[in-house]
PDB file of N, CA and C in Angstrom:
ATOM      1  N   MET A   1      -8.054   5.870 -11.107  1.00  0.00           N
ATOM      2  CA  MET A   1      -7.076   5.547 -10.077  1.00  0.00           C
ATOM      3  C   MET A   1      -6.965   4.027  -9.948  1.00  0.00           C
ATOM      4  N   PRO A   2      -5.761   3.547  -9.784  1.00  0.00           N
ATOM      5  CA  PRO A   2      -5.543   2.098  -9.774  1.00  0.00           C
ATOM      6  C   PRO A   2      -5.840   1.420  -8.439  1.00  0.00           C
ATOM      7  N   LYS A   3      -6.127   0.129  -8.570  1.00  0.00           N
ATOM      8  CA  LYS A   3      -6.272  -0.716  -7.383  1.00  0.00           C
ATOM      9  C   LYS A   3      -4.892  -1.222  -6.986  1.00  0.00           C
ATOM     10  N   VAL A   4      -4.768  -1.615  -5.739  1.00  0.00           N
ATOM     11  CA  VAL A   4      -3.468  -2.035  -5.204  1.00  0.00           C
ATOM     12  C   VAL A   4      -3.641  -3.403  -4.537  1.00  0.00           C
ATOM     13  N   PRO A   5      -3.776  -4.477  -5.344  1.00  0.00           N
ATOM     14  CA  PRO A   5      -4.111  -5.780  -4.779  1.00  0.00           C
ATOM     15  C   PRO A   5      -3.062  -6.401  -3.869  1.00  0.00           C
ATOM     16  N   ASN A   6      -1.802  -6.032  -4.014  1.00  0.00           N
ATOM     17  CA  ASN A   6      -0.748  -6.681  -3.224  1.00  0.00           C
ATOM     18  C   ASN A   6      -0.315  -5.913  -1.983  1.00  0.00           C
ATOM     19  N   LEU A   7      -0.926  -4.797  -1.707  1.00  0.00           N
ATOM     20  CA  LEU A   7      -0.471  -3.966  -0.587  1.00  0.00           C
ATOM     21  C   LEU A   7      -0.497  -4.730   0.733  1.00  0.00           C
ATOM     22  N   LYS A   8      -1.593  -5.335   1.063  1.00  0.00           N
ATOM     23  CA  LYS A   8      -1.708  -6.022   2.356  1.00  0.00           C
ATOM     24  C   LYS A   8      -0.741  -7.196   2.449  1.00  0.00           C
ATOM     25  N   ARG A   9      -0.619  -7.970   1.370  1.00  0.00           N
ATOM     26  CA  ARG A   9       0.282  -9.122   1.365  1.00  0.00           C
ATOM     27  C   ARG A   9       1.723  -8.669   1.592  1.00  0.00           C
ATOM     28  N   ILE A  10       2.159  -7.654   0.857  1.00  0.00           N
ATOM     29  CA  ILE A  10       3.536  -7.179   0.994  1.00  0.00           C
ATOM     30  C   ILE A  10       3.755  -6.561   2.371  1.00  0.00           C
ATOM     31  N   ARG A  11       2.798  -5.796   2.859  1.00  0.00           N
ATOM     32  CA  ARG A  11       2.924  -5.195   4.197  1.00  0.00           C
ATOM     33  C   ARG A  11       3.077  -6.284   5.253  1.00  0.00           C
ATOM     34  N   ASN A  12       2.304  -7.360   5.127  1.00  0.00           N
ATOM     35  CA  ASN A  12       2.359  -8.435   6.117  1.00  0.00           C
ATOM     36  C   ASN A  12       3.634  -9.260   6.038  1.00  0.00           C
ATOM     37  N   GLU A  13       4.322  -9.233   4.894  1.00  0.00           N
ATOM     38  CA  GLU A  13       5.585  -9.959   4.765  1.00  0.00           C
ATOM     39  C   GLU A  13       6.683  -9.346   5.627  1.00  0.00           C
ATOM     40  N   TYR A  14       6.560  -8.068   5.976  1.00  0.00           N
ATOM     41  CA  TYR A  14       7.648  -7.398   6.697  1.00  0.00           C
ATOM     42  C   TYR A  14       7.790  -7.805   8.159  1.00  0.00           C
ATOM     43  N   PRO A  15       6.910  -8.014   9.010  1.00  0.00           N
ATOM     44  CA  PRO A  15       5.522  -7.563   9.052  1.00  0.00           C
ATOM     45  C   PRO A  15       5.433  -6.144   9.616  1.00  0.00           C
ATOM     46  N   LEU A  16       4.534  -5.378   9.054  1.00  0.00           N
ATOM     47  CA  LEU A  16       4.268  -4.020   9.522  1.00  0.00           C
ATOM     48  C   LEU A  16       2.786  -3.874   9.809  1.00  0.00           C
ATOM     49  N   THR A  17       2.465  -3.111  10.824  1.00  0.00           N
ATOM     50  CA  THR A  17       1.064  -2.769  11.051  1.00  0.00           C
ATOM     51  C   THR A  17       0.694  -1.639  10.095  1.00  0.00           C
ATOM     52  N   VAL A  18      -0.587  -1.422   9.935  1.00  0.00           N
ATOM     53  CA  VAL A  18      -1.048  -0.311   9.107  1.00  0.00           C
ATOM     54  C   VAL A  18      -0.520   1.000   9.688  1.00  0.00           C
ATOM     55  N   ARG A  19      -0.551   1.122  10.993  1.00  0.00           N
ATOM     56  CA  ARG A  19      -0.079   2.353  11.633  1.00  0.00           C
ATOM     57  C   ARG A  19       1.409   2.587  11.363  1.00  0.00           C
ATOM     58  N   GLU A  20       2.218   1.533  11.426  1.00  0.00           N
ATOM     59  CA  GLU A  20       3.646   1.664  11.144  1.00  0.00           C
ATOM     60  C   GLU A  20       3.883   2.089   9.690  1.00  0.00           C
ATOM     61  N   LEU A  21       3.136   1.479   8.759  1.00  0.00           N
ATOM     62  CA  LEU A  21       3.275   1.849   7.360  1.00  0.00           C
ATOM     63  C   LEU A  21       2.831   3.288   7.133  1.00  0.00           C
ATOM     64  N   ALA A  22       1.800   3.708   7.830  1.00  0.00           N
ATOM     65  CA  ALA A  22       1.333   5.089   7.710  1.00  0.00           C
ATOM     66  C   ALA A  22       2.428   6.061   8.152  1.00  0.00           C
ATOM     67  N   GLU A  23       3.079   5.761   9.252  1.00  0.00           N
ATOM     68  CA  GLU A  23       4.153   6.629   9.744  1.00  0.00           C
ATOM     69  C   GLU A  23       5.341   6.651   8.787  1.00  0.00           C
ATOM     70  N   MET A  24       5.676   5.501   8.226  1.00  0.00           N
ATOM     71  CA  MET A  24       6.828   5.405   7.327  1.00  0.00           C
ATOM     72  C   MET A  24       6.574   6.078   5.981  1.00  0.00           C
ATOM     73  N   SER A  25       5.336   6.012   5.506  1.00  0.00           N
ATOM     74  CA  SER A  25       5.029   6.469   4.149  1.00  0.00           C
ATOM     75  C   SER A  25       4.461   7.879   4.087  1.00  0.00           C
ATOM     76  N   GLY A  26       3.886   8.343   5.185  1.00  0.00           N
ATOM     77  CA  GLY A  26       3.210   9.629   5.151  1.00  0.00           C
ATOM     78  C   GLY A  26       1.799   9.545   4.596  1.00  0.00           C
ATOM     79  N   VAL A  27       1.305   8.327   4.393  1.00  0.00           N
ATOM     80  CA  VAL A  27      -0.067   8.098   3.935  1.00  0.00           C
ATOM     81  C   VAL A  27      -0.897   7.799   5.178  1.00  0.00           C
ATOM     82  N   SER A  28      -2.098   8.347   5.250  1.00  0.00           N
ATOM     83  CA  SER A  28      -2.896   8.190   6.464  1.00  0.00           C
ATOM     84  C   SER A  28      -3.329   6.740   6.696  1.00  0.00           C
ATOM     85  N   TYR A  29      -3.488   6.420   7.962  1.00  0.00           N
ATOM     86  CA  TYR A  29      -3.983   5.104   8.383  1.00  0.00           C
ATOM     87  C   TYR A  29      -5.296   4.789   7.677  1.00  0.00           C
ATOM     88  N   ASP A  30      -6.201   5.752   7.654  1.00  0.00           N
ATOM     89  CA  ASP A  30      -7.514   5.568   7.044  1.00  0.00           C
ATOM     90  C   ASP A  30      -7.401   5.234   5.561  1.00  0.00           C
ATOM     91  N   THR A  31      -6.538   5.948   4.864  1.00  0.00           N
ATOM     92  CA  THR A  31      -6.360   5.697   3.432  1.00  0.00           C
ATOM     93  C   THR A  31      -5.804   4.300   3.194  1.00  0.00           C
ATOM     94  N   ILE A  32      -4.783   3.915   3.934  1.00  0.00           N
ATOM     95  CA  ILE A  32      -4.194   2.583   3.762  1.00  0.00           C
ATOM     96  C   ILE A  32      -5.238   1.504   4.020  1.00  0.00           C
ATOM     97  N   THR A  33      -5.999   1.638   5.077  1.00  0.00           N
ATOM     98  CA  THR A  33      -7.026   0.655   5.406  1.00  0.00           C
ATOM     99  C   THR A  33      -8.055   0.540   4.284  1.00  0.00           C
ATOM    100  N   LYS A  34      -8.509   1.665   3.778  1.00  0.00           N
ATOM    101  CA  LYS A  34      -9.503   1.643   2.706  1.00  0.00           C
ATOM    102  C   LYS A  34      -8.939   1.063   1.419  1.00  0.00           C
ATOM    103  N   VAL A  35      -7.695   1.371   1.098  1.00  0.00           N
ATOM    104  CA  VAL A  35      -7.070   0.830  -0.104  1.00  0.00           C
ATOM    105  C   VAL A  35      -6.908  -0.687   0.035  1.00  0.00           C
ATOM    106  N   GLU A  36      -6.413  -1.138   1.182  1.00  0.00           N
ATOM    107  CA  GLU A  36      -6.221  -2.584   1.393  1.00  0.00           C
ATOM    108  C   GLU A  36      -7.526  -3.361   1.307  1.00  0.00           C
ATOM    109  N   ASN A  37      -8.595  -2.775   1.765  1.00  0.00           N
ATOM    110  CA  ASN A  37      -9.886  -3.473   1.781  1.00  0.00           C
ATOM    111  C   ASN A  37     -10.711  -3.241   0.523  1.00  0.00           C
ATOM    112  N   GLY A  38     -10.146  -2.537  -0.454  1.00  0.00           N
ATOM    113  CA  GLY A  38     -10.830  -2.331  -1.722  1.00  0.00           C
ATOM    114  C   GLY A  38     -11.938  -1.299  -1.694  1.00  0.00           C
ATOM    115  N   HIS A  39     -11.977  -0.473  -0.654  1.00  0.00           N
ATOM    116  CA  HIS A  39     -13.012   0.552  -0.541  1.00  0.00           C
ATOM    117  C   HIS A  39     -12.599   1.862  -1.204  1.00  0.00           C
ATOM    118  N   ARG A  40     -11.326   1.943  -1.593  1.00  0.00           N
ATOM    119  CA  ARG A  40     -10.817   3.147  -2.246  1.00  0.00           C
ATOM    120  C   ARG A  40      -9.674   2.733  -3.165  1.00  0.00           C
ATOM    121  N   GLU A  41      -9.625   3.364  -4.316  1.00  0.00           N
ATOM    122  CA  GLU A  41      -8.485   3.167  -5.194  1.00  0.00           C
ATOM    123  C   GLU A  41      -7.434   4.212  -4.836  1.00  0.00           C
ATOM    124  N   ALA A  42      -6.192   3.879  -5.087  1.00  0.00           N
ATOM    125  CA  ALA A  42      -5.092   4.748  -4.684  1.00  0.00           C
ATOM    126  C   ALA A  42      -4.658   5.670  -5.818  1.00  0.00           C
ATOM    127  N   ARG A  43      -4.307   6.891  -5.460  1.00  0.00           N
ATOM    128  CA  ARG A  43      -3.713   7.824  -6.414  1.00  0.00           C
ATOM    129  C   ARG A  43      -2.300   7.339  -6.731  1.00  0.00           C
ATOM    130  N   PRO A  44      -1.789   7.655  -7.907  1.00  0.00           N
ATOM    131  CA  PRO A  44      -0.411   7.274  -8.236  1.00  0.00           C
ATOM    132  C   PRO A  44       0.605   7.780  -7.204  1.00  0.00           C
ATOM    133  N   SER A  45       0.410   8.983  -6.677  1.00  0.00           N
ATOM    134  CA  SER A  45       1.345   9.502  -5.677  1.00  0.00           C
ATOM    135  C   SER A  45       1.300   8.673  -4.390  1.00  0.00           C
ATOM    136  N   THR A  46       0.122   8.188  -4.036  1.00  0.00           N
ATOM    137  CA  THR A  46      -0.023   7.334  -2.846  1.00  0.00           C
ATOM    138  C   THR A  46       0.687   6.009  -3.061  1.00  0.00           C
ATOM    139  N   ILE A  47       0.535   5.437  -4.243  1.00  0.00           N
ATOM    140  CA  ILE A  47       1.198   4.169  -4.556  1.00  0.00           C
ATOM    141  C   ILE A  47       2.715   4.344  -4.476  1.00  0.00           C
ATOM    142  N   ARG A  48       3.230   5.450  -4.995  1.00  0.00           N
ATOM    143  CA  ARG A  48       4.672   5.697  -4.931  1.00  0.00           C
ATOM    144  C   ARG A  48       5.152   5.816  -3.482  1.00  0.00           C
ATOM    145  N   LYS A  49       4.395   6.504  -2.644  1.00  0.00           N
ATOM    146  CA  LYS A  49       4.778   6.658  -1.233  1.00  0.00           C
ATOM    147  C   LYS A  49       4.787   5.309  -0.522  1.00  0.00           C
ATOM    148  N   LEU A  50       3.740   4.515  -0.748  1.00  0.00           N
ATOM    149  CA  LEU A  50       3.653   3.205  -0.102  1.00  0.00           C
ATOM    150  C   LEU A  50       4.765   2.287  -0.587  1.00  0.00           C
ATOM    151  N   ALA A  51       5.006   2.277  -1.885  1.00  0.00           N
ATOM    152  CA  ALA A  51       6.068   1.436  -2.446  1.00  0.00           C
ATOM    153  C   ALA A  51       7.428   1.844  -1.889  1.00  0.00           C
ATOM    154  N   GLY A  52       7.672   3.143  -1.805  1.00  0.00           N
ATOM    155  CA  GLY A  52       8.936   3.618  -1.260  1.00  0.00           C
ATOM    156  C   GLY A  52       9.142   3.176   0.178  1.00  0.00           C
ATOM    157  N   ALA A  53       8.099   3.257   0.980  1.00  0.00           N
ATOM    158  CA  ALA A  53       8.191   2.849   2.387  1.00  0.00           C
ATOM    159  C   ALA A  53       8.420   1.343   2.512  1.00  0.00           C
ATOM    160  N   LEU A  54       7.871   0.573   1.575  1.00  0.00           N
ATOM    161  CA  LEU A  54       8.003  -0.883   1.616  1.00  0.00           C
ATOM    162  C   LEU A  54       9.248  -1.383   0.883  1.00  0.00           C
ATOM    163  N   GLY A  55       9.927  -0.490   0.176  1.00  0.00           N
ATOM    164  CA  GLY A  55      11.135  -0.887  -0.538  1.00  0.00           C
ATOM    165  C   GLY A  55      10.869  -1.728  -1.777  1.00  0.00           C
ATOM    166  N   VAL A  56       9.737  -1.498  -2.429  1.00  0.00           N
ATOM    167  CA  VAL A  56       9.392  -2.229  -3.651  1.00  0.00           C
ATOM    168  C   VAL A  56       9.067  -1.228  -4.757  1.00  0.00           C
ATOM    169  N   GLU A  57       9.027  -1.713  -5.974  1.00  0.00           N
ATOM    170  CA  GLU A  57       8.610  -0.889  -7.097  1.00  0.00           C
ATOM    171  C   GLU A  57       7.086  -0.740  -7.057  1.00  0.00           C
ATOM    172  N   PRO A  58       6.570   0.407  -7.461  1.00  0.00           N
ATOM    173  CA  PRO A  58       5.113   0.589  -7.455  1.00  0.00           C
ATOM    174  C   PRO A  58       4.353  -0.505  -8.187  1.00  0.00           C
ATOM    175  N   ARG A  59       4.928  -1.013  -9.285  1.00  0.00           N
ATOM    176  CA  ARG A  59       4.224  -2.067 -10.042  1.00  0.00           C
ATOM    177  C   ARG A  59       4.041  -3.349  -9.228  1.00  0.00           C
ATOM    178  N   GLU A  60       4.921  -3.581  -8.245  1.00  0.00           N
ATOM    179  CA  GLU A  60       4.779  -4.778  -7.409  1.00  0.00           C
ATOM    180  C   GLU A  60       3.494  -4.711  -6.576  1.00  0.00           C
ATOM    181  N   LEU A  61       3.100  -3.525  -6.174  1.00  0.00           N
ATOM    182  CA  LEU A  61       1.869  -3.373  -5.394  1.00  0.00           C
ATOM    183  C   LEU A  61       0.636  -3.589  -6.259  1.00  0.00           C
ATOM    184  N   MET A  62       0.773  -3.343  -7.558  1.00  0.00           N
ATOM    185  CA  MET A  62      -0.385  -3.355  -8.432  1.00  0.00           C
ATOM    186  C   MET A  62      -0.555  -4.635  -9.237  1.00  0.00           C
ATOM    187  N   LYS A  63       0.401  -5.553  -9.197  1.00  0.00           N
ATOM    188  CA  LYS A  63       0.288  -6.807  -9.934  1.00  0.00           C
ATOM    189  C   LYS A  63      -0.891  -7.617  -9.425  1.00  0.00           C
ATOM    190  N   GLY A  64      -1.429  -8.436 -10.295  1.00  0.00           N
ATOM    191  CA  GLY A  64      -2.493  -9.347  -9.887  1.00  0.00           C
ATOM    192  C   GLY A  64      -1.974 -10.346  -8.881  1.00  0.00           C
ATOM    193  N   LYS A  65      -2.877 -10.999  -8.198  1.00  0.00           N
ATOM    194  CA  LYS A  65      -2.494 -11.972  -7.174  1.00  0.00           C
ATOM    195  C   LYS A  65      -1.725 -13.127  -7.790  1.00  0.00           C
ATOM    196  N   LYS A  66      -0.735 -13.609  -7.058  1.00  0.00           N
ATOM    197  CA  LYS A  66       0.084 -14.743  -7.519  1.00  0.00           C
ATOM    198  C   LYS A  66      -0.528 -16.039  -7.071  1.00  0.00           C
TER     199      LYS A  66
END
């Protein structure tokens, strides 16, 4: 399962809280928090849901830090 290094940065650009992103994406608050903090890798389906809610391509969430 892949890591999602840009999730927190992109979420904060909107700005959205973790709870707001959870409601928009259907991904649990706990999962988003763990993925953002590197405690859990995300399933491809989770990455697609998060990317869809943020209006970005899934690969944008997974790119290395700029």
